[in-house]
Amino acid sequence: MFPDPRPYFEDMTDPRQDTHSKRHKLGDILFIVISAVLSGAEDWVAVVDFARSKIAWLRQYIELPNGIPSHDTIGSLMSRLDPKAFACCFARWVETEMPSLAGEHIAIDGKTLRGSTDGLKAVHMMSVFASSTRVILAPQACDGKSNEITAIPEMLDGLDIRGATVTIDAMGCQREIAKKIIERGGDYVLALKGNQQTLHDAVQKHLDALDEAGALPEHETSEKSHGRHTIRRCIFTDTIDWLEKKDEWSGVAAVGMVESLRDLKGKVSLEKRYFISSITDSRRFQEVVRKHWSIENEEHWILDVQFGEDGCRARKDHAAENFAILRRMALNILRRNEIDKKVSLKRRIYRSALDDAYRSKMLFGT
């Protein structure tokens, strides 16, 4: 389980000036908001409501020499706190539980915080997600979807990805990103689309011709869930001598195609996706392509439904980014520090709000 989060945030720089008006410790406020978000708080007012009702429990772990801070005090501090430093503390905390990512599948994708718009643009939050353990490894904000290209290498620099397989959608299909993954000892499967049009067209033309001729073995799976029937068909080859400029892509060793035929209550759609890969194991390729979308279903969707992320109106300065990091920390704790695996995530949040002993077990294991 994840350890007590408090020590990992002790080195955070307090953005407030040391004046008589600074009545509450940074560590105390951080512990209050972590505990409150774990218990379902979706804004700073709810954080204060939680803290006031649980002040006796809080004083078992923090001093609170001047009582509970106001929601304005908490909101002001969290809007000024450096989100990159906060994310680094988050990553160090996660690393204690998952020091090695060897053998893991890691999905990287972004999510726009729709309620964070100030009339110009909303905050775009990147995440690195370990699909088998369902742990969020590293969150980082970027200016927009187009800036994922610069954010991804920074996130990879903070992780030991040796022996891991990284999947990224088409935005992350960049030569420098492929090079970074290989240099850091990982493997990749990168989706191809229009941003690499020449490469995409070459792979599509070659695989479609081989597929039509029946020259490659294919693997087919069928899945039924919530009224949707999906048939996936995959072809894959590690013979890529025909691929021009392959030397420009570090580690590229294979290409593949996944065709998805979906029937949703009589509405049928067909999609073909093409990929480049540094791995040559066909079954591993199929597995990680399928698992890539776990970041959508098991992180982004959960954050919206269970934590109200898209509805959160925190937007001043860095408030949206920092609140997003707090939600991801709470989700990690609720999933990894399982007291009863049969209890749903919604019930864990509810019990954390009501039961002091349960909340303590979630946070500290005691």
Foldseek 3Di string as FASTA:
>chain_A
DFAFLLVLCPPFDFPDDPDPPPQDDPSLLVVLLLLQLLLQDQALQSSQVLCVVCVVLSVVPDPPPPNGDHSVVSLVRLLPGDLVSVQLSVLVRVCVVVVDCAPWEKAKDKDFQQLQDPPPGTKIKIWIAGLVLRATRTIDIDPDPLCVCVVLLVRLVSHQAANYEYEYEQSNPDQVSLVSQVVSHYKYKYWHDDVPPVQQVVQVVVVVVCVVVVVFDKDWDWDDDPQKIKIKIKTKDQPCPVRPPVVSHPQFRIKMKIWIWMARPNDTDIDIIIITINDGDPVVVVVSVVSNCCCVVSPVVCCCPRRVRSVRNSHRRCNNSSVVSSNSVSSNLLSVLDPDPVDDSNVLSNCSSPPSVSVCCSNHVD
